[in-house]
Amino acid sequence: MSENLQQAAEARAASVAALAQELIRRPSRAGIDDYGPVLGVLEDWLTARSLPHRRLNDDAGELVGLLVEIPGGRPGPWWALDACVDTAPYGDETAWSFPPACGDIVDGWLRGRGSADSKLAAAMFCHIAADLHGRAADLHGGLAVLLDVDEHTGGFGGARAYLADPQAARPAGMMIGYPGLEDVVVGGRGLWRAVITVHAPSGHSGSSKTVVGAISRAAHLVRLLDTADMPGVDGGSGFPLPPKLSVTSFHGGQGFSVTPDRCELNVDVRTTPAFDAHDAETLVRKAVAELDAELPAPKPTKITPVASWPPFRLREDEEPAAALLSAAAEAGLPVRGKTAGPSNIGNLLAGEGIPATAGFGLVYEGLHATDERARLAELPQIYAIYQRAVLGLLRAD
């Protein structure tokens, strides 16, 4: 079967790249562009091949993705492939050496925003769905392909709509097509995020009366948070990364003559199994209590939690990680399971009890940065690996 899959993948590679080129040429920057054109390319491609698909909308009726569903002819669990087709913004377009939406291929590299993250994966997964559609009667369970256009916002609206859809079979696991050839991402740190509002009396900056303004109080809080005692790696948990706290935003004041009465901080804590969201909140509340005791103000400092995702880590013998790692090994690719520092859609799925891999794909450069591109040389190999993994999960005869 390995030789046949590899040969089929090589035959598919040009078509996958061509579809990815068309997707890149439809700008789909999160929160900036209309997603209709990029999803229209996918809908036309799927319709031409009679692949069952439908749009996904969030609670407000906004378009957040497409869902392709290939039901098997035999009973069994469903599995899912996922790739986002919205992208990061371009940044400074004058710094690019080629147009961000060019979608051309130069020296074996597919160029443009979304080439790496993750329009090439979307094109690949659509082709795999087409391959399986012709042999669906032999499959156990079914395959869903989620094409999300609310990923780079951090809202993951496509995934949320998919999981909330009463018509969709709940997947036993998901493989997410983030790029990177050396690792299969089998875990990631979680997060706990909050906005902290620091208060103080307002006053005139030139007054003879000394006023400790909100910015000064907030700066003291930043020092308390930066020096807070954070644990290291917990060897007993098997999780290879430590937690991490960062102050990521600081806003307050206007002009020069007023000491402000309010300042806001954004705090991002990356969590682990041994230091979870409760521990993160406890640490931040302790620092806030210390601030209010040392530098009292008319109003207590307010903490507003805004997001919390659990960390996750699959064992390498747990599906779907085992299927993907095994398929890569069979193809002669010595990849390893990796736990990522940043959080990703796998954390959202972990909170839903759905195991996921969150990255294995092509070599890339410029992810979320200038001159994004993906190398096509390994495309047939990566394609065959994902197809082999899917067929193994669906127990294809």
Protein backbone atom coordinates (compact mmCIF):
# COMPACT_ATOMS: atom_id res chain seq x y z
CA MET A 1 0.00 0.00 0.00
CA SER A 2 2.90 2.38 0.76
CA GLU A 3 4.14 2.45 -2.82
CA ASN A 4 0.67 3.02 -4.21
CA LEU A 5 0.02 5.88 -1.79
CA GLN A 6 3.32 7.54 -2.59
CA GLN A 7 2.71 7.28 -6.33
CA ALA A 8 -0.80 8.68 -5.95
CA ALA A 9 0.52 11.51 -3.79
CA GLU A 10 3.12 12.44 -6.40
CA ALA A 11 0.36 12.55 -9.00
CA ARG A 12 -1.73 14.78 -6.71
CA ALA A 13 1.02 17.26 -5.78
CA ALA A 14 0.60 19.61 -8.74
CA SER A 15 -3.17 19.82 -8.21
CA VAL A 16 -2.71 20.50 -4.46
CA ALA A 17 -0.25 23.30 -5.19
CA ALA A 18 -2.55 24.80 -7.83
CA LEU A 19 -5.49 24.93 -5.43
CA ALA A 20 -3.28 26.47 -2.73
CA GLN A 21 -2.15 29.13 -5.24
CA GLU A 22 -5.77 30.11 -5.89
CA LEU A 23 -6.42 30.34 -2.14
CA ILE A 24 -3.39 32.56 -1.56
CA ARG A 25 -4.56 34.89 -4.32
CA ARG A 26 -7.77 35.54 -2.36
CA PRO A 27 -6.64 37.64 0.63
CA SER A 28 -8.28 36.41 3.84
CA ARG A 29 -6.57 38.31 6.63
CA ALA A 30 -8.37 37.75 9.92
CA GLY A 31 -10.65 40.65 10.79
CA ILE A 32 -9.69 42.54 7.62
CA ASP A 33 -10.83 40.73 4.47
CA ASP A 34 -14.12 39.22 3.37
CA TYR A 35 -13.88 35.43 3.62
CA GLY A 36 -16.41 34.84 0.85
CA PRO A 37 -13.89 34.78 -2.04
CA VAL A 38 -11.46 32.30 -0.45
CA LEU A 39 -14.28 30.00 0.64
CA GLY A 40 -15.82 30.35 -2.81
CA VAL A 41 -12.69 28.84 -4.36
CA LEU A 42 -13.01 25.85 -2.04
CA GLU A 43 -16.74 25.50 -2.61
CA ASP A 44 -16.29 25.51 -6.38
CA TRP A 45 -13.54 22.88 -6.11
CA LEU A 46 -15.58 20.65 -3.80
CA THR A 47 -18.75 21.01 -5.86
CA ALA A 48 -16.93 20.07 -9.07
CA ARG A 49 -15.94 16.79 -7.40
CA SER A 50 -19.35 16.14 -5.81
CA LEU A 51 -17.88 16.25 -2.31
CA PRO A 52 -20.53 16.86 0.38
CA HIS A 53 -19.85 20.14 2.16
CA ARG A 54 -21.67 22.97 3.89
CA ARG A 55 -21.01 26.37 5.41
CA LEU A 56 -20.64 26.87 9.14
CA ASN A 57 -21.96 29.98 10.90
CA ASP A 58 -21.50 31.17 14.45
CA ASP A 59 -24.28 32.17 16.86
CA ALA A 60 -24.38 35.64 15.32
CA GLY A 61 -24.83 34.19 11.84
CA GLU A 62 -21.30 35.10 10.70
CA LEU A 63 -19.59 32.75 8.24
CA VAL A 64 -16.79 30.95 10.09
CA GLY A 65 -15.89 27.97 7.94
CA LEU A 66 -16.68 25.05 5.67
CA LEU A 67 -17.22 21.46 6.72
CA VAL A 68 -16.60 18.54 4.36
CA GLU A 69 -18.06 15.21 5.51
CA ILE A 70 -17.22 11.81 4.01
CA PRO A 71 -19.33 9.14 5.76
CA GLY A 72 -17.99 5.61 5.60
CA GLY A 73 -20.05 2.59 4.71
CA ARG A 74 -19.25 0.74 7.93
CA PRO A 75 -19.74 1.63 11.61
CA GLY A 76 -16.93 3.30 13.51
CA PRO A 77 -15.69 6.60 14.94
CA TRP A 78 -15.30 9.78 12.91
CA TRP A 79 -11.94 11.54 12.61
CA ALA A 80 -11.22 15.07 11.44
CA LEU A 81 -8.59 17.01 9.53
CA ASP A 82 -8.43 20.76 10.14
CA ALA A 83 -6.72 23.66 8.39
CA CYS A 84 -7.38 27.37 8.62
CA VAL A 85 -7.81 29.46 5.48
CA ASP A 86 -7.83 32.83 7.19
CA THR A 87 -4.37 34.30 7.72
CA ALA A 88 -2.27 36.70 9.72
CA PRO A 89 -2.09 40.29 8.37
CA TYR A 90 0.65 41.26 5.92
CA GLY A 91 2.43 43.74 8.16
CA ASP A 92 4.64 46.20 6.28
CA GLU A 93 4.03 45.26 2.65
CA THR A 94 7.00 47.35 1.52
CA ALA A 95 9.27 44.97 3.43
CA TRP A 96 8.13 41.99 1.34
CA SER A 97 10.30 41.01 -1.63
CA PHE A 98 7.19 39.77 -3.46
CA PRO A 99 3.46 40.67 -3.28
CA PRO A 100 1.87 38.97 -0.22
CA ALA A 101 -1.00 37.58 -2.32
CA CYS A 102 1.06 36.52 -5.35
CA GLY A 103 0.64 32.76 -4.89
CA ASP A 104 3.48 32.01 -7.31
CA ILE A 105 6.02 29.19 -7.22
CA VAL A 106 9.69 30.16 -7.45
CA ASP A 107 12.60 27.74 -7.08
CA GLY A 108 10.30 25.12 -5.58
CA TRP A 109 8.75 27.44 -2.97
CA LEU A 110 5.08 28.44 -2.88
CA ARG A 111 5.07 32.13 -1.94
CA GLY A 112 2.54 34.34 -0.22
CA ARG A 113 0.57 34.84 2.98
CA GLY A 114 -1.08 31.59 3.97
CA SER A 115 1.30 29.34 2.04
CA ALA A 116 2.61 27.93 5.32
CA ASP A 117 -0.30 28.69 7.66
CA SER A 118 -2.32 26.98 6.37
CA LYS A 119 -3.77 27.20 2.84
CA LEU A 120 -1.48 24.50 1.50
CA ALA A 121 -2.73 22.14 4.23
CA ALA A 122 -6.32 23.05 3.37
CA ALA A 123 -5.70 22.17 -0.29
CA MET A 124 -4.03 18.91 0.72
CA PHE A 125 -6.86 17.87 3.05
CA CYS A 126 -9.49 18.61 0.39
CA HIS A 127 -7.64 16.32 -2.01
CA ILE A 128 -7.43 13.57 0.62
CA ALA A 129 -11.19 13.87 1.13
CA ALA A 130 -11.66 13.52 -2.62
CA ASP A 131 -9.46 10.40 -2.66
CA LEU A 132 -11.47 8.82 0.16
CA HIS A 133 -14.84 9.76 -1.30
CA GLY A 134 -14.40 7.23 -4.07
CA ARG A 135 -13.82 4.41 -1.60
CA ALA A 136 -16.15 5.52 1.19
CA ALA A 137 -18.05 2.22 1.25
CA ASP A 138 -14.95 0.50 2.63
CA LEU A 139 -14.36 3.01 5.44
CA HIS A 140 -15.32 2.58 9.08
CA GLY A 141 -16.83 5.72 10.63
CA GLY A 142 -16.14 8.82 8.60
CA LEU A 143 -13.82 11.71 7.83
CA ALA A 144 -14.57 15.40 8.36
CA VAL A 145 -12.43 18.19 6.94
CA LEU A 146 -12.82 21.50 8.77
CA LEU A 147 -11.77 24.64 6.86
CA ASP A 148 -11.78 27.40 9.47
CA VAL A 149 -11.88 31.14 8.70
CA ASP A 150 -11.93 32.31 12.32
CA GLU A 151 -8.62 30.89 13.54
CA HIS A 152 -6.18 33.79 13.42
CA THR A 153 -8.59 35.93 15.42
CA GLY A 154 -8.08 33.49 18.30
CA GLY A 155 -11.83 32.89 18.36
CA PHE A 156 -11.66 29.51 16.58
CA GLY A 157 -15.22 30.09 15.44
CA GLY A 158 -15.10 27.36 12.81
CA ALA A 159 -14.08 24.71 15.31
CA ARG A 160 -16.65 25.92 17.83
CA ALA A 161 -19.42 25.88 15.22
CA TYR A 162 -18.39 22.39 14.08
CA LEU A 163 -18.44 20.97 17.60
CA ALA A 164 -21.76 22.67 18.40
CA ASP A 165 -23.44 21.49 15.18
CA PRO A 166 -26.04 18.83 16.06
CA GLN A 167 -25.86 17.48 12.49
CA ALA A 168 -22.12 16.79 12.64
CA ALA A 169 -20.70 13.57 14.05
CA ARG A 170 -18.42 14.39 16.97
CA PRO A 171 -14.84 13.44 16.03
CA ALA A 172 -12.84 10.93 18.07
CA GLY A 173 -9.77 13.02 17.29
CA MET A 174 -8.39 15.66 14.96
CA MET A 175 -5.17 16.30 13.02
CA ILE A 176 -4.45 20.01 12.47
CA GLY A 177 -2.34 20.96 9.46
CA TYR A 178 0.04 23.50 10.94
CA PRO A 179 3.43 23.37 9.13
CA GLY A 180 6.79 22.01 10.23
CA LEU A 181 8.53 18.85 9.05
CA GLU A 182 10.60 17.79 12.04
CA ASP A 183 7.89 17.21 14.65
CA VAL A 184 4.38 16.01 15.21
CA VAL A 185 3.01 18.43 17.79
CA VAL A 186 1.24 16.29 20.38
CA GLY A 187 0.80 18.88 23.13
CA GLY A 188 0.88 22.51 24.12
CA ARG A 189 0.82 24.74 27.16
CA GLY A 190 -2.55 26.07 28.18
CA LEU A 191 -3.29 29.67 29.03
CA TRP A 192 -5.03 31.92 31.51
CA ARG A 193 -5.52 35.55 30.46
CA ALA A 194 -6.87 38.55 32.31
CA VAL A 195 -7.22 42.31 32.05
CA ILE A 196 -6.13 44.07 35.24
CA THR A 197 -7.50 47.54 35.92
CA VAL A 198 -5.41 49.64 38.30
CA HIS A 199 -6.96 52.73 39.94
CA ALA A 200 -5.52 55.81 41.65
CA PRO A 201 -6.53 59.39 42.48
CA SER A 202 -6.14 61.71 39.50
CA GLY A 203 -4.28 64.96 39.79
CA HIS A 204 -2.31 67.68 38.04
CA SER A 205 1.21 66.60 37.16
CA GLY A 206 2.50 70.02 38.28
CA SER A 207 0.72 70.06 41.63
CA SER A 208 2.72 70.52 44.84
CA LYS A 209 0.76 67.59 46.23
CA THR A 210 2.36 64.24 45.46
CA VAL A 211 0.00 61.79 43.78
CA VAL A 212 0.87 58.17 43.05
CA GLY A 213 -0.92 57.82 39.74
CA ALA A 214 -2.37 54.75 38.17
CA ILE A 215 0.57 54.33 35.79
CA SER A 216 3.04 54.32 38.69
CA ARG A 217 0.88 51.80 40.58
CA ALA A 218 0.56 49.66 37.45
CA ALA A 219 4.33 49.77 36.89
CA HIS A 220 4.81 48.50 40.44
CA LEU A 221 2.37 45.68 39.71
CA VAL A 222 4.37 44.76 36.60
CA ARG A 223 7.49 44.46 38.75
CA LEU A 224 5.62 42.23 41.21
CA LEU A 225 4.40 40.01 38.39
CA ASP A 226 7.78 39.87 36.66
CA THR A 227 9.46 38.74 39.90
CA ALA A 228 6.71 36.34 40.99
CA ASP A 229 7.91 32.88 41.95
CA MET A 230 7.09 30.58 39.02
CA PRO A 231 7.74 26.83 39.21
CA GLY A 232 10.06 25.06 36.78
CA VAL A 233 9.44 21.90 34.82
CA ASP A 234 7.63 19.27 36.89
CA GLY A 235 9.49 16.07 36.14
CA GLY A 236 6.78 13.94 37.69
CA SER A 237 4.07 15.15 35.31
CA GLY A 238 5.86 14.20 32.10
CA PHE A 239 5.10 17.66 30.70
CA PRO A 240 8.39 19.06 29.32
CA LEU A 241 7.79 22.82 29.61
CA PRO A 242 7.47 25.18 32.60
CA PRO A 243 4.68 27.74 33.03
CA LYS A 244 5.34 31.32 31.91
CA LEU A 245 3.86 34.73 32.82
CA SER A 246 3.98 37.76 30.53
CA VAL A 247 2.54 41.26 30.74
CA THR A 248 1.57 41.85 27.12
CA SER A 249 -0.20 45.22 27.14
CA PHE A 250 -0.04 48.44 29.20
CA HIS A 251 -2.45 51.33 28.60
CA GLY A 252 -3.17 54.47 30.60
CA GLY A 253 -3.07 58.23 30.62
CA GLN A 254 -3.29 60.94 28.01
CA GLY A 255 -1.25 64.06 27.38
CA PHE A 256 1.17 65.46 29.95
CA SER A 257 -0.60 67.51 32.62
CA VAL A 258 -2.76 64.84 34.32
CA THR A 259 -1.69 61.89 36.43
CA PRO A 260 -4.27 59.31 35.35
CA ASP A 261 -6.75 57.57 37.60
CA ARG A 262 -6.85 54.34 35.59
CA CYS A 263 -4.41 52.02 33.83
CA GLU A 264 -5.02 48.60 32.26
CA LEU A 265 -2.68 45.65 31.88
CA ASN A 266 -3.09 42.45 29.89
CA VAL A 267 -1.56 39.43 31.57
CA ASP A 268 -0.94 36.15 29.74
CA VAL A 269 0.00 33.06 31.78
CA ARG A 270 0.95 29.86 29.96
CA THR A 271 -0.13 26.93 32.09
CA THR A 272 0.90 23.30 32.54
CA PRO A 273 -0.67 20.26 34.20
CA ALA A 274 1.25 21.09 37.39
CA PHE A 275 0.42 24.84 37.25
CA ASP A 276 -3.12 25.24 35.98
CA ALA A 277 -5.52 28.15 35.51
CA HIS A 278 -6.43 28.18 39.21
CA ASP A 279 -2.75 28.46 40.12
CA ALA A 280 -2.27 31.25 37.58
CA GLU A 281 -5.19 33.25 38.94
CA THR A 282 -4.05 32.68 42.52
CA LEU A 283 -0.57 34.01 41.68
CA VAL A 284 -1.94 37.13 39.98
CA ARG A 285 -4.40 37.82 42.80
CA LYS A 286 -1.57 37.55 45.32
CA ALA A 287 0.44 40.17 43.41
CA VAL A 288 -2.61 42.44 43.19
CA ALA A 289 -3.27 42.11 46.92
CA GLU A 290 0.35 43.04 47.59
CA LEU A 291 0.03 46.11 45.36
CA ASP A 292 -3.13 47.31 47.09
CA ALA A 293 -1.54 46.80 50.51
CA GLU A 294 1.70 48.63 49.66
CA LEU A 295 0.17 51.45 47.58
CA PRO A 296 -3.46 51.89 48.66
CA ALA A 297 -5.94 53.53 46.28
CA PRO A 298 -9.58 54.68 46.54
CA LYS A 299 -10.72 51.62 44.55
CA PRO A 300 -9.28 48.10 44.67
CA THR A 301 -7.48 46.75 41.65
CA LYS A 302 -9.86 44.76 39.44
CA ILE A 303 -9.02 41.46 37.73
CA THR A 304 -11.19 40.45 34.75
CA PRO A 305 -10.38 36.95 33.42
CA VAL A 306 -10.95 36.78 29.65
CA ALA A 307 -9.78 33.32 28.52
CA SER A 308 -8.69 29.98 29.92
CA TRP A 309 -7.61 26.86 28.02
CA PRO A 310 -6.17 23.71 29.51
CA PRO A 311 -2.75 22.36 28.54
CA PHE A 312 -2.75 19.11 26.62
CA ARG A 313 -0.34 16.33 25.78
CA LEU A 314 -1.07 13.08 24.00
CA ARG A 315 0.96 9.98 24.58
CA GLU A 316 2.72 8.92 21.41
CA ASP A 317 0.72 5.68 21.46
CA GLU A 318 -2.58 7.59 21.70
CA GLU A 319 -4.66 8.33 18.61
CA PRO A 320 -4.47 10.27 16.41
CA ALA A 321 -0.82 10.91 17.33
CA ALA A 322 0.05 7.22 17.00
CA ALA A 323 -1.40 7.01 13.48
CA LEU A 324 0.50 10.09 12.27
CA LEU A 325 3.80 9.13 13.89
CA SER A 326 3.50 5.58 12.58
CA ALA A 327 2.71 6.80 9.05
CA ALA A 328 5.74 9.13 9.14
CA ALA A 329 8.01 6.32 10.34
CA GLU A 330 6.71 4.02 7.61
CA ALA A 331 7.62 6.71 5.09
CA GLY A 332 11.15 6.87 6.49
CA LEU A 333 10.73 10.24 8.19
CA PRO A 334 12.25 10.26 11.71
CA VAL A 335 9.82 12.69 13.36
CA ARG A 336 9.20 12.95 17.10
CA GLY A 337 6.35 14.06 19.29
CA LYS A 338 6.72 17.64 20.50
CA THR A 339 4.97 19.76 23.10
CA ALA A 340 4.69 23.34 21.86
CA GLY A 341 5.15 26.44 23.97
CA PRO A 342 2.38 28.47 22.31
CA SER A 343 -1.22 27.41 22.72
CA ASN A 344 -3.23 26.42 19.67
CA ILE A 345 -6.57 25.01 18.60
CA GLY A 346 -5.53 21.71 20.19
CA ASN A 347 -6.08 23.36 23.58
CA LEU A 348 -9.66 24.22 22.66
CA LEU A 349 -10.21 20.63 21.58
CA ALA A 350 -8.60 19.30 24.77
CA GLY A 351 -11.17 21.26 26.74
CA GLU A 352 -13.83 19.39 24.75
CA GLY A 353 -12.19 16.03 25.43
CA ILE A 354 -11.02 15.62 21.81
CA PRO A 355 -7.38 14.53 21.32
CA ALA A 356 -5.51 16.37 18.59
CA THR A 357 -2.19 16.72 16.89
CA ALA A 358 -1.40 20.34 16.12
CA GLY A 359 1.31 20.44 13.55
CA PHE A 360 3.13 18.38 10.97
CA GLY A 361 3.65 19.65 7.48
CA LEU A 362 5.99 21.32 5.04
CA VAL A 363 9.20 23.23 5.60
CA TYR A 364 8.40 26.94 5.78
CA GLU A 365 9.80 30.42 6.26
CA GLY A 366 8.22 33.72 7.32
CA LEU A 367 5.29 32.32 9.29
CA HIS A 368 3.18 35.37 10.38
CA ALA A 369 6.10 37.44 9.11
CA THR A 370 7.59 38.92 5.95
CA ASP A 371 8.01 36.75 2.82
CA GLU A 372 6.00 33.76 3.98
CA ARG A 373 6.63 30.69 1.83
CA ALA A 374 6.48 26.89 1.94
CA ARG A 375 8.76 24.37 0.24
CA LEU A 376 6.98 22.00 -2.11
CA ALA A 377 9.69 19.33 -2.41
CA GLU A 378 8.25 17.27 0.44
CA LEU A 379 4.59 17.76 -0.50
CA PRO A 380 4.09 14.24 -1.96
CA GLN A 381 5.67 12.68 1.12
CA ILE A 382 3.58 14.72 3.57
CA TYR A 383 0.44 14.03 1.54
CA ALA A 384 1.06 10.29 1.59
CA ILE A 385 1.74 10.33 5.34
CA TYR A 386 -1.53 12.09 6.17
CA GLN A 387 -3.46 9.82 3.83
CA ARG A 388 -1.85 6.72 5.34
CA ALA A 389 -2.72 7.96 8.84
CA VAL A 390 -6.34 8.66 7.90
CA LEU A 391 -6.76 5.28 6.23
CA GLY A 392 -5.35 3.59 9.31
CA LEU A 393 -7.78 5.40 11.58
CA LEU A 394 -10.70 4.56 9.31
CA ARG A 395 -9.48 0.95 9.16
CA ALA A 396 -9.65 0.93 5.39
CA ASP A 397 -9.33 -2.56 3.92
